[in-house]
Amino acid sequence: ADRLRWQRWPVAAVSELMLTRENAPDGLNDISGSIARAPV
């Protein structure tokens, strides 16, 4: 969780693969424990 944060982003630039407050309000906890399969 400490490696992630919420950041303001233009709605027009949001893709379906991104996690937003609207589509994934608990996204920070959902992603925690995952493994990065590509550099971010």
PDB file of all heavy atoms in Angstrom:
ATOM      1  N   ALA A   1       0.818  -1.217   0.000  1.00  0.00           N
ATOM      2  CA  ALA A   1       0.000   0.000   0.000  1.00  0.00           C
ATOM      3  C   ALA A   1       0.854   1.270   0.000  1.00  0.00           C
ATOM      4  O   ALA A   1       0.471   2.285  -0.592  1.00  0.00           O
ATOM      5  CB  ALA A   1      -0.942  -0.006   1.210  1.00  0.00           C
ATOM      6  N   ASP A   2       2.009   1.234   0.675  1.00  0.00           N
ATOM      7  CA  ASP A   2       2.840   2.441   0.744  1.00  0.00           C
ATOM      8  C   ASP A   2       3.525   2.751  -0.584  1.00  0.00           C
ATOM      9  O   ASP A   2       4.112   3.818  -0.743  1.00  0.00           O
ATOM     10  CB  ASP A   2       3.900   2.285   1.845  1.00  0.00           C
ATOM     11  CG  ASP A   2       4.831   1.113   1.595  1.00  0.00           C
ATOM     12  OD1 ASP A   2       4.344   0.039   1.184  1.00  0.00           O
ATOM     13  OD2 ASP A   2       6.052   1.272   1.788  1.00  0.00           O
ATOM     14  N   ARG A   3       3.460   1.836  -1.546  1.00  0.00           N
ATOM     15  CA  ARG A   3       4.042   2.078  -2.870  1.00  0.00           C
ATOM     16  C   ARG A   3       3.024   2.658  -3.842  1.00  0.00           C
ATOM     17  O   ARG A   3       3.341   2.869  -5.020  1.00  0.00           O
ATOM     18  CB  ARG A   3       4.604   0.774  -3.451  1.00  0.00           C
ATOM     19  CG  ARG A   3       5.811   0.220  -2.700  1.00  0.00           C
ATOM     20  CD  ARG A   3       6.240  -1.115  -3.289  1.00  0.00           C
ATOM     21  NE  ARG A   3       7.447  -1.620  -2.679  1.00  0.00           N
ATOM     22  CZ  ARG A   3       8.682  -1.384  -3.126  1.00  0.00           C
ATOM     23  NH1 ARG A   3       8.855  -0.630  -4.193  1.00  0.00           N
ATOM     24  NH2 ARG A   3       9.736  -1.888  -2.524  1.00  0.00           N
ATOM     25  N   LEU A   4       1.802   2.903  -3.375  1.00  0.00           N
ATOM     26  CA  LEU A   4       0.731   3.393  -4.236  1.00  0.00           C
ATOM     27  C   LEU A   4       0.153   4.679  -3.670  1.00  0.00           C
ATOM     28  O   LEU A   4       0.268   4.960  -2.481  1.00  0.00           O
ATOM     29  CB  LEU A   4      -0.385   2.340  -4.347  1.00  0.00           C
ATOM     30  CG  LEU A   4       0.028   0.938  -4.798  1.00  0.00           C
ATOM     31  CD1 LEU A   4      -1.135  -0.023  -4.617  1.00  0.00           C
ATOM     32  CD2 LEU A   4       0.498   0.949  -6.247  1.00  0.00           C
ATOM     33  N   ARG A   5      -0.493   5.461  -4.530  1.00  0.00           N
ATOM     34  CA  ARG A   5      -1.196   6.663  -4.082  1.00  0.00           C
ATOM     35  C   ARG A   5      -2.234   7.047  -5.130  1.00  0.00           C
ATOM     36  O   ARG A   5      -2.137   6.665  -6.293  1.00  0.00           O
ATOM     37  CB  ARG A   5      -0.224   7.829  -3.851  1.00  0.00           C
ATOM     38  CG  ARG A   5       0.554   8.281  -5.075  1.00  0.00           C
ATOM     39  CD  ARG A   5       1.539   9.380  -4.714  1.00  0.00           C
ATOM     40  NE  ARG A   5       2.439   9.694  -5.817  1.00  0.00           N
ATOM     41  CZ  ARG A   5       2.167  10.538  -6.803  1.00  0.00           C
ATOM     42  NH1 ARG A   5       0.996  11.153  -6.832  1.00  0.00           N
ATOM     43  NH2 ARG A   5       3.032  10.766  -7.774  1.00  0.00           N
ATOM     44  N   TRP A   6      -3.221   7.834  -4.689  1.00  0.00           N
ATOM     45  CA  TRP A   6      -4.233   8.361  -5.598  1.00  0.00           C
ATOM     46  C   TRP A   6      -3.763   9.699  -6.145  1.00  0.00           C
ATOM     47  O   TRP A   6      -3.193  10.509  -5.421  1.00  0.00           O
ATOM     48  CB  TRP A   6      -5.574   8.535  -4.885  1.00  0.00           C
ATOM     49  CG  TRP A   6      -6.223   7.245  -4.485  1.00  0.00           C
ATOM     50  CD1 TRP A   6      -6.250   6.694  -3.228  1.00  0.00           C
ATOM     51  CD2 TRP A   6      -6.937   6.348  -5.333  1.00  0.00           C
ATOM     52  NE1 TRP A   6      -6.921   5.508  -3.242  1.00  0.00           N
ATOM     53  CE2 TRP A   6      -7.375   5.260  -4.527  1.00  0.00           C
ATOM     54  CE3 TRP A   6      -7.238   6.332  -6.686  1.00  0.00           C
ATOM     55  CZ2 TRP A   6      -8.094   4.193  -5.025  1.00  0.00           C
ATOM     56  CZ3 TRP A   6      -7.971   5.264  -7.193  1.00  0.00           C
ATOM     57  CH2 TRP A   6      -8.389   4.211  -6.369  1.00  0.00           C
ATOM     58  N   GLN A   7      -3.988   9.925  -7.419  1.00  0.00           N
ATOM     59  CA  GLN A   7      -3.560  11.178  -8.055  1.00  0.00           C
ATOM     60  C   GLN A   7      -4.651  11.675  -8.998  1.00  0.00           C
ATOM     61  O   GLN A   7      -5.288  10.882  -9.699  1.00  0.00           O
ATOM     62  CB  GLN A   7      -2.261  10.961  -8.831  1.00  0.00           C
ATOM     63  CG  GLN A   7      -1.737  12.207  -9.544  1.00  0.00           C
ATOM     64  CD  GLN A   7      -0.351  11.986 -10.123  1.00  0.00           C
ATOM     65  OE1 GLN A   7       0.578  11.615  -9.402  1.00  0.00           O
ATOM     66  NE2 GLN A   7      -0.213  12.190 -11.421  1.00  0.00           N
ATOM     67  N   ARG A   8      -4.839  13.005  -9.014  1.00  0.00           N
ATOM     68  CA  ARG A   8      -5.835  13.592  -9.916  1.00  0.00           C
ATOM     69  C   ARG A   8      -5.410  13.365 -11.361  1.00  0.00           C
ATOM     70  O   ARG A   8      -4.235  13.490 -11.700  1.00  0.00           O
ATOM     71  CB  ARG A   8      -5.987  15.090  -9.630  1.00  0.00           C
ATOM     72  CG  ARG A   8      -6.789  15.368  -8.362  1.00  0.00           C
ATOM     73  CD  ARG A   8      -6.813  16.838  -8.005  1.00  0.00           C
ATOM     74  NE  ARG A   8      -7.364  17.667  -9.084  1.00  0.00           N
ATOM     75  CZ  ARG A   8      -8.667  17.814  -9.338  1.00  0.00           C
ATOM     76  NH1 ARG A   8      -9.559  17.171  -8.593  1.00  0.00           N
ATOM     77  NH2 ARG A   8      -9.078  18.598 -10.317  1.00  0.00           N
ATOM     78  N   TRP A   9      -6.399  13.034 -12.204  1.00  0.00           N
ATOM     79  CA  TRP A   9      -6.113  12.653 -13.585  1.00  0.00           C
ATOM     80  C   TRP A   9      -7.279  13.106 -14.471  1.00  0.00           C
ATOM     81  O   TRP A   9      -8.444  12.975 -14.077  1.00  0.00           O
ATOM     82  CB  TRP A   9      -5.957  11.126 -13.663  1.00  0.00           C
ATOM     83  CG  TRP A   9      -5.130  10.635 -14.811  1.00  0.00           C
ATOM     84  CD1 TRP A   9      -5.560  10.247 -16.036  1.00  0.00           C
ATOM     85  CD2 TRP A   9      -3.706  10.489 -14.832  1.00  0.00           C
ATOM     86  NE1 TRP A   9      -4.503   9.857 -16.823  1.00  0.00           N
ATOM     87  CE2 TRP A   9      -3.354  10.002 -16.103  1.00  0.00           C
ATOM     88  CE3 TRP A   9      -2.709  10.726 -13.905  1.00  0.00           C
ATOM     89  CZ2 TRP A   9      -2.041   9.739 -16.465  1.00  0.00           C
ATOM     90  CZ3 TRP A   9      -1.401  10.467 -14.256  1.00  0.00           C
ATOM     91  CH2 TRP A   9      -1.070   9.978 -15.519  1.00  0.00           C
ATOM     92  N   PRO A  10      -6.994  13.629 -15.672  1.00  0.00           N
ATOM     93  CA  PRO A  10      -8.097  14.030 -16.573  1.00  0.00           C
ATOM     94  C   PRO A  10      -8.959  12.834 -16.946  1.00  0.00           C
ATOM     95  O   PRO A  10      -8.446  11.775 -17.315  1.00  0.00           O
ATOM     96  CB  PRO A  10      -7.363  14.594 -17.795  1.00  0.00           C
ATOM     97  CG  PRO A  10      -5.988  14.930 -17.315  1.00  0.00           C
ATOM     98  CD  PRO A  10      -5.673  13.951 -16.238  1.00  0.00           C
ATOM     99  N   VAL A  11     -10.265  12.996 -16.847  1.00  0.00           N
ATOM    100  CA  VAL A  11     -11.185  11.901 -17.162  1.00  0.00           C
ATOM    101  C   VAL A  11     -11.008  11.452 -18.608  1.00  0.00           C
ATOM    102  O   VAL A  11     -11.086  10.250 -18.920  1.00  0.00           O
ATOM    103  CB  VAL A  11     -12.640  12.339 -16.903  1.00  0.00           C
ATOM    104  CG1 VAL A  11     -13.627  11.295 -17.430  1.00  0.00           C
ATOM    105  CG2 VAL A  11     -12.870  12.574 -15.417  1.00  0.00           C
ATOM    106  N   ALA A  12     -10.727  12.392 -19.515  1.00  0.00           N
ATOM    107  CA  ALA A  12     -10.592  12.056 -20.935  1.00  0.00           C
ATOM    108  C   ALA A  12      -9.387  11.156 -21.203  1.00  0.00           C
ATOM    109  O   ALA A  12      -9.321  10.500 -22.242  1.00  0.00           O
ATOM    110  CB  ALA A  12     -10.480  13.333 -21.765  1.00  0.00           C
ATOM    111  N   ALA A  13      -8.406  11.122 -20.277  1.00  0.00           N
ATOM    112  CA  ALA A  13      -7.190  10.330 -20.483  1.00  0.00           C
ATOM    113  C   ALA A  13      -7.214   9.011 -19.718  1.00  0.00           C
ATOM    114  O   ALA A  13      -6.211   8.307 -19.685  1.00  0.00           O
ATOM    115  CB  ALA A  13      -5.957  11.144 -20.065  1.00  0.00           C
ATOM    116  N   VAL A  14      -8.342   8.672 -19.120  1.00  0.00           N
ATOM    117  CA  VAL A  14      -8.448   7.433 -18.336  1.00  0.00           C
ATOM    118  C   VAL A  14      -8.805   6.274 -19.263  1.00  0.00           C
ATOM    119  O   VAL A  14      -9.727   6.366 -20.069  1.00  0.00           O
ATOM    120  CB  VAL A  14      -9.510   7.578 -17.230  1.00  0.00           C
ATOM    121  CG1 VAL A  14      -9.715   6.252 -16.510  1.00  0.00           C
ATOM    122  CG2 VAL A  14      -9.090   8.642 -16.223  1.00  0.00           C
ATOM    123  N   SER A  15      -8.046   5.162 -19.148  1.00  0.00           N
ATOM    124  CA  SER A  15      -8.354   3.957 -19.921  1.00  0.00           C
ATOM    125  C   SER A  15      -9.073   2.956 -19.022  1.00  0.00           C
ATOM    126  O   SER A  15      -9.059   3.071 -17.792  1.00  0.00           O
ATOM    127  CB  SER A  15      -7.082   3.333 -20.490  1.00  0.00           C
ATOM    128  OG  SER A  15      -6.352   2.666 -19.486  1.00  0.00           O
ATOM    129  N   GLU A  16      -9.667   1.951 -19.641  1.00  0.00           N
ATOM    130  CA  GLU A  16     -10.444   0.965 -18.885  1.00  0.00           C
ATOM    131  C   GLU A  16      -9.566   0.098 -17.985  1.00  0.00           C
ATOM    132  O   GLU A  16     -10.062  -0.553 -17.063  1.00  0.00           O
ATOM    133  CB  GLU A  16     -11.232   0.079 -19.841  1.00  0.00           C
ATOM    134  CG  GLU A  16     -10.363  -0.705 -20.819  1.00  0.00           C
ATOM    135  CD  GLU A  16     -11.178  -1.541 -21.779  1.00  0.00           C
ATOM    136  OE1 GLU A  16     -12.400  -1.379 -21.817  1.00  0.00           O
ATOM    137  OE2 GLU A  16     -10.568  -2.359 -22.493  1.00  0.00           O
ATOM    138  N   LEU A  17      -8.236   0.070 -18.247  1.00  0.00           N
ATOM    139  CA  LEU A  17      -7.339  -0.744 -17.430  1.00  0.00           C
ATOM    140  C   LEU A  17      -6.880  -0.024 -16.168  1.00  0.00           C
ATOM    141  O   LEU A  17      -6.317  -0.642 -15.265  1.00  0.00           O
ATOM    142  CB  LEU A  17      -6.118  -1.160 -18.256  1.00  0.00           C
ATOM    143  CG  LEU A  17      -6.382  -2.115 -19.418  1.00  0.00           C
ATOM    144  CD1 LEU A  17      -5.117  -2.356 -20.223  1.00  0.00           C
ATOM    145  CD2 LEU A  17      -6.932  -3.448 -18.913  1.00  0.00           C
ATOM    146  N   MET A  18      -7.108   1.290 -16.095  1.00  0.00           N
ATOM    147  CA  MET A  18      -6.699   2.054 -14.921  1.00  0.00           C
ATOM    148  C   MET A  18      -7.705   1.858 -13.795  1.00  0.00           C
ATOM    149  O   MET A  18      -8.877   1.542 -14.023  1.00  0.00           O
ATOM    150  CB  MET A  18      -6.584   3.541 -15.267  1.00  0.00           C
ATOM    151  CG  MET A  18      -5.506   3.874 -16.266  1.00  0.00           C
ATOM    152  SD  MET A  18      -5.453   5.666 -16.580  1.00  0.00           S
ATOM    153  CE  MET A  18      -4.256   5.746 -17.913  1.00  0.00           C
ATOM    154  N   LEU A  19      -7.242   2.085 -12.567  1.00  0.00           N
ATOM    155  CA  LEU A  19      -8.107   1.987 -11.401  1.00  0.00           C
ATOM    156  C   LEU A  19      -8.418   3.392 -10.909  1.00  0.00           C
ATOM    157  O   LEU A  19      -7.513   4.153 -10.554  1.00  0.00           O
ATOM    158  CB  LEU A  19      -7.436   1.186 -10.288  1.00  0.00           C
ATOM    159  CG  LEU A  19      -7.292  -0.319 -10.547  1.00  0.00           C
ATOM    160  CD1 LEU A  19      -5.977  -0.607 -11.259  1.00  0.00           C
ATOM    161  CD2 LEU A  19      -7.377  -1.108  -9.264  1.00  0.00           C
ATOM    162  N   THR A  20      -9.691   3.755 -10.914  1.00  0.00           N
ATOM    163  CA  THR A  20     -10.116   5.082 -10.469  1.00  0.00           C
ATOM    164  C   THR A  20     -10.942   4.954  -9.193  1.00  0.00           C
ATOM    165  O   THR A  20     -11.362   3.859  -8.795  1.00  0.00           O
ATOM    166  CB  THR A  20     -10.961   5.767 -11.554  1.00  0.00           C
ATOM    167  OG1 THR A  20     -12.198   5.041 -11.719  1.00  0.00           O
ATOM    168  CG2 THR A  20     -10.216   5.796 -12.890  1.00  0.00           C
ATOM    169  N   ARG A  21     -11.189   6.106  -8.563  1.00  0.00           N
ATOM    170  CA  ARG A  21     -12.011   6.119  -7.355  1.00  0.00           C
ATOM    171  C   ARG A  21     -13.422   5.605  -7.651  1.00  0.00           C
ATOM    172  O   ARG A  21     -14.058   4.994  -6.801  1.00  0.00           O
ATOM    173  CB  ARG A  21     -12.101   7.544  -6.821  1.00  0.00           C
ATOM    174  CG  ARG A  21     -10.833   8.051  -6.167  1.00  0.00           C
ATOM    175  CD  ARG A  21     -10.699   7.558  -4.745  1.00  0.00           C
ATOM    176  NE  ARG A  21      -9.681   8.301  -4.019  1.00  0.00           N
ATOM    177  CZ  ARG A  21      -9.278   8.011  -2.796  1.00  0.00           C
ATOM    178  NH1 ARG A  21      -9.822   6.980  -2.161  1.00  0.00           N
ATOM    179  NH2 ARG A  21      -8.355   8.718  -2.196  1.00  0.00           N
ATOM    180  N   GLU A  22     -13.866   5.835  -8.892  1.00  0.00           N
ATOM    181  CA  GLU A  22     -15.228   5.452  -9.242  1.00  0.00           C
ATOM    182  C   GLU A  22     -15.352   3.944  -9.498  1.00  0.00           C
ATOM    183  O   GLU A  22     -16.257   3.291  -8.986  1.00  0.00           O
ATOM    184  CB  GLU A  22     -15.705   6.222 -10.487  1.00  0.00           C
ATOM    185  CG  GLU A  22     -15.966   7.701 -10.253  1.00  0.00           C
ATOM    186  CD  GLU A  22     -14.695   8.527 -10.177  1.00  0.00           C
ATOM    187  OE1 GLU A  22     -13.625   8.015 -10.570  1.00  0.00           O
ATOM    188  OE2 GLU A  22     -14.766   9.677  -9.711  1.00  0.00           O
ATOM    189  N   ASN A  23     -14.428   3.397 -10.311  1.00  0.00           N
ATOM    190  CA  ASN A  23     -14.575   1.978 -10.676  1.00  0.00           C
ATOM    191  C   ASN A  23     -13.876   1.025  -9.713  1.00  0.00           C
ATOM    192  O   ASN A  23     -14.099  -0.189  -9.754  1.00  0.00           O
ATOM    193  CB  ASN A  23     -14.080   1.725 -12.109  1.00  0.00           C
ATOM    194  CG  ASN A  23     -12.580   1.975 -12.274  1.00  0.00           C
ATOM    195  OD1 ASN A  23     -11.817   1.917 -11.323  1.00  0.00           O
ATOM    196  ND2 ASN A  23     -12.160   2.254 -13.494  1.00  0.00           N
ATOM    197  N   ALA A  24     -12.995   1.552  -8.852  1.00  0.00           N
ATOM    198  CA  ALA A  24     -12.292   0.695  -7.888  1.00  0.00           C
ATOM    199  C   ALA A  24     -12.013   1.486  -6.612  1.00  0.00           C
ATOM    200  O   ALA A  24     -10.870   1.837  -6.314  1.00  0.00           O
ATOM    201  CB  ALA A  24     -10.982   0.177  -8.484  1.00  0.00           C
ATOM    202  N   PRO A  25     -13.064   1.794  -5.846  1.00  0.00           N
ATOM    203  CA  PRO A  25     -12.862   2.606  -4.630  1.00  0.00           C
ATOM    204  C   PRO A  25     -11.918   1.958  -3.620  1.00  0.00           C
ATOM    205  O   PRO A  25     -11.262   2.643  -2.849  1.00  0.00           O
ATOM    206  CB  PRO A  25     -14.290   2.737  -4.064  1.00  0.00           C
ATOM    207  CG  PRO A  25     -15.077   1.641  -4.699  1.00  0.00           C
ATOM    208  CD  PRO A  25     -14.457   1.417  -6.042  1.00  0.00           C
ATOM    209  N   ASP A  26     -11.840   0.613  -3.640  1.00  0.00           N
ATOM    210  CA  ASP A  26     -10.931  -0.102  -2.730  1.00  0.00           C
ATOM    211  C   ASP A  26      -9.712  -0.627  -3.489  1.00  0.00           C
ATOM    212  O   ASP A  26      -9.104  -1.621  -3.099  1.00  0.00           O
ATOM    213  CB  ASP A  26     -11.682  -1.258  -2.067  1.00  0.00           C
ATOM    214  CG  ASP A  26     -10.991  -1.712  -0.767  1.00  0.00           C
ATOM    215  OD1 ASP A  26     -10.367  -0.873  -0.096  1.00  0.00           O
ATOM    216  OD2 ASP A  26     -11.059  -2.912  -0.462  1.00  0.00           O
ATOM    217  N   GLY A  27      -9.370   0.069  -4.579  1.00  0.00           N
ATOM    218  CA  GLY A  27      -8.291  -0.390  -5.447  1.00  0.00           C
ATOM    219  C   GLY A  27      -6.948  -0.495  -4.756  1.00  0.00           C
ATOM    220  O   GLY A  27      -6.156  -1.385  -5.055  1.00  0.00           O
ATOM    221  N   LEU A  28      -6.673   0.393  -3.814  1.00  0.00           N
ATOM    222  CA  LEU A  28      -5.367   0.376  -3.137  1.00  0.00           C
ATOM    223  C   LEU A  28      -5.187  -0.942  -2.387  1.00  0.00           C
ATOM    224  O   LEU A  28      -4.122  -1.567  -2.460  1.00  0.00           O
ATOM    225  CB  LEU A  28      -5.271   1.576  -2.188  1.00  0.00           C
ATOM    226  CG  LEU A  28      -3.874   1.893  -1.644  1.00  0.00           C
ATOM    227  CD1 LEU A  28      -3.711   3.401  -1.483  1.00  0.00           C
ATOM    228  CD2 LEU A  28      -3.642   1.213  -0.313  1.00  0.00           C
ATOM    229  N   ASN A  29      -6.232  -1.389  -1.702  1.00  0.00           N
ATOM    230  CA  ASN A  29      -6.138  -2.667  -0.979  1.00  0.00           C
ATOM    231  C   ASN A  29      -6.185  -3.858  -1.940  1.00  0.00           C
ATOM    232  O   ASN A  29      -5.557  -4.885  -1.700  1.00  0.00           O
ATOM    233  CB  ASN A  29      -7.273  -2.772   0.037  1.00  0.00           C
ATOM    234  CG  ASN A  29      -7.129  -1.767   1.166  1.00  0.00           C
ATOM    235  OD1 ASN A  29      -6.017  -1.427   1.568  1.00  0.00           O
ATOM    236  ND2 ASN A  29      -8.249  -1.266   1.662  1.00  0.00           N
ATOM    237  N   ASP A  30      -6.932  -3.719  -3.038  1.00  0.00           N
ATOM    238  CA  ASP A  30      -7.033  -4.815  -4.003  1.00  0.00           C
ATOM    239  C   ASP A  30      -5.693  -5.105  -4.669  1.00  0.00           C
ATOM    240  O   ASP A  30      -5.338  -6.259  -4.914  1.00  0.00           O
ATOM    241  CB  ASP A  30      -8.077  -4.478  -5.083  1.00  0.00           C
ATOM    242  CG  ASP A  30      -9.485  -4.466  -4.520  1.00  0.00           C
ATOM    243  OD1 ASP A  30      -9.687  -5.032  -3.428  1.00  0.00           O
ATOM    244  OD2 ASP A  30     -10.370  -3.874  -5.163  1.00  0.00           O
ATOM    245  N   ILE A  31      -4.942  -4.043  -4.994  1.00  0.00           N
ATOM    246  CA  ILE A  31      -3.662  -4.210  -5.688  1.00  0.00           C
ATOM    247  C   ILE A  31      -2.558  -4.629  -4.724  1.00  0.00           C
ATOM    248  O   ILE A  31      -1.593  -5.296  -5.115  1.00  0.00           O
ATOM    249  CB  ILE A  31      -3.282  -2.910  -6.422  1.00  0.00           C
ATOM    250  CG1 ILE A  31      -4.266  -2.661  -7.561  1.00  0.00           C
ATOM    251  CG2 ILE A  31      -1.863  -2.979  -6.975  1.00  0.00           C
ATOM    252  CD1 ILE A  31      -4.264  -3.725  -8.641  1.00  0.00           C
ATOM    253  N   SER A  32      -2.670  -4.249  -3.468  1.00  0.00           N
ATOM    254  CA  SER A  32      -1.641  -4.608  -2.479  1.00  0.00           C
ATOM    255  C   SER A  32      -1.462  -6.123  -2.448  1.00  0.00           C
ATOM    256  O   SER A  32      -2.430  -6.875  -2.409  1.00  0.00           O
ATOM    257  CB  SER A  32      -2.035  -4.102  -1.095  1.00  0.00           C
ATOM    258  OG  SER A  32      -2.034  -2.695  -1.056  1.00  0.00           O
ATOM    259  N   GLY A  33      -0.212  -6.569  -2.474  1.00  0.00           N
ATOM    260  CA  GLY A  33       0.101  -7.982  -2.488  1.00  0.00           C
ATOM    261  C   GLY A  33       0.319  -8.539  -3.880  1.00  0.00           C
ATOM    262  O   GLY A  33       0.738  -9.684  -4.029  1.00  0.00           O
ATOM    263  N   SER A  34       0.037  -7.714  -4.908  1.00  0.00           N
ATOM    264  CA  SER A  34       0.278  -8.167  -6.276  1.00  0.00           C
ATOM    265  C   SER A  34       1.758  -8.107  -6.602  1.00  0.00           C
ATOM    266  O   SER A  34       2.558  -7.511  -5.872  1.00  0.00           O
ATOM    267  CB  SER A  34      -0.495  -7.277  -7.267  1.00  0.00           C
ATOM    268  OG  SER A  34      -1.873  -7.364  -7.060  1.00  0.00           O
ATOM    269  N   ILE A  35       2.114  -8.726  -7.709  1.00  0.00           N
ATOM    270  CA  ILE A  35       3.490  -8.694  -8.208  1.00  0.00           C
ATOM    271  C   ILE A  35       3.500  -7.964  -9.537  1.00  0.00           C
ATOM    272  O   ILE A  35       2.647  -8.213 -10.391  1.00  0.00           O
ATOM    273  CB  ILE A  35       4.043 -10.122  -8.378  1.00  0.00           C
ATOM    274  CG1 ILE A  35       4.168 -10.804  -7.013  1.00  0.00           C
ATOM    275  CG2 ILE A  35       5.409 -10.102  -9.071  1.00  0.00           C
ATOM    276  CD1 ILE A  35       4.591 -12.248  -7.092  1.00  0.00           C
ATOM    277  N   ALA A  36       4.448  -7.050  -9.698  1.00  0.00           N
ATOM    278  CA  ALA A  36       4.566  -6.299 -10.951  1.00  0.00           C
ATOM    279  C   ALA A  36       5.166  -7.207 -12.021  1.00  0.00           C
ATOM    280  O   ALA A  36       6.286  -7.679 -11.869  1.00  0.00           O
ATOM    281  CB  ALA A  36       5.437  -5.061 -10.755  1.00  0.00           C
ATOM    282  N   ARG A  37       4.403  -7.448 -13.092  1.00  0.00           N
ATOM    283  CA  ARG A  37       4.910  -8.295 -14.170  1.00  0.00           C
ATOM    284  C   ARG A  37       5.539  -7.462 -15.274  1.00  0.00           C
ATOM    285  O   ARG A  37       6.061  -8.016 -16.246  1.00  0.00           O
ATOM    286  CB  ARG A  37       3.781  -9.156 -14.737  1.00  0.00           C
ATOM    287  CG  ARG A  37       2.650  -8.404 -15.381  1.00  0.00           C
ATOM    288  CD  ARG A  37       1.529  -9.343 -15.781  1.00  0.00           C
ATOM    289  NE  ARG A  37       2.001 -10.400 -16.659  1.00  0.00           N
ATOM    290  CZ  ARG A  37       1.248 -11.406 -17.088  1.00  0.00           C
ATOM    291  NH1 ARG A  37      -0.011 -11.487 -16.683  1.00  0.00           N
ATOM    292  NH2 ARG A  37       1.723 -12.318 -17.902  1.00  0.00           N
ATOM    293  N   ALA A  38       5.512  -6.139 -15.131  1.00  0.00           N
ATOM    294  CA  ALA A  38       6.164  -5.219 -16.071  1.00  0.00           C
ATOM    295  C   ALA A  38       6.571  -3.978 -15.284  1.00  0.00           C
ATOM    296  O   ALA A  38       5.959  -3.664 -14.259  1.00  0.00           O
ATOM    297  CB  ALA A  38       5.222  -4.849 -17.217  1.00  0.00           C
ATOM    298  N   PRO A  39       7.608  -3.245 -15.726  1.00  0.00           N
ATOM    299  CA  PRO A  39       8.044  -2.061 -14.986  1.00  0.00           C
ATOM    300  C   PRO A  39       6.954  -0.988 -14.953  1.00  0.00           C
ATOM    301  O   PRO A  39       6.229  -0.795 -15.928  1.00  0.00           O
ATOM    302  CB  PRO A  39       9.267  -1.579 -15.780  1.00  0.00           C
ATOM    303  CG  PRO A  39       9.694  -2.744 -16.606  1.00  0.00           C
ATOM    304  CD  PRO A  39       8.460  -3.517 -16.907  1.00  0.00           C
ATOM    305  N   VAL A  40       6.854  -0.283 -13.820  1.00  0.00           N
ATOM    306  CA  VAL A  40       5.920   0.830 -13.660  1.00  0.00           C
ATOM    307  C   VAL A  40       6.715   2.003 -13.097  1.00  0.00           C
ATOM    308  O   VAL A  40       7.334   1.883 -12.035  1.00  0.00           O
ATOM    309  CB  VAL A  40       4.753   0.485 -12.716  1.00  0.00           C
ATOM    310  CG1 VAL A  40       3.780   1.663 -12.623  1.00  0.00           C
ATOM    311  CG2 VAL A  40       4.019  -0.767 -13.197  1.00  0.00           C
TER     312      VAL A  40
END
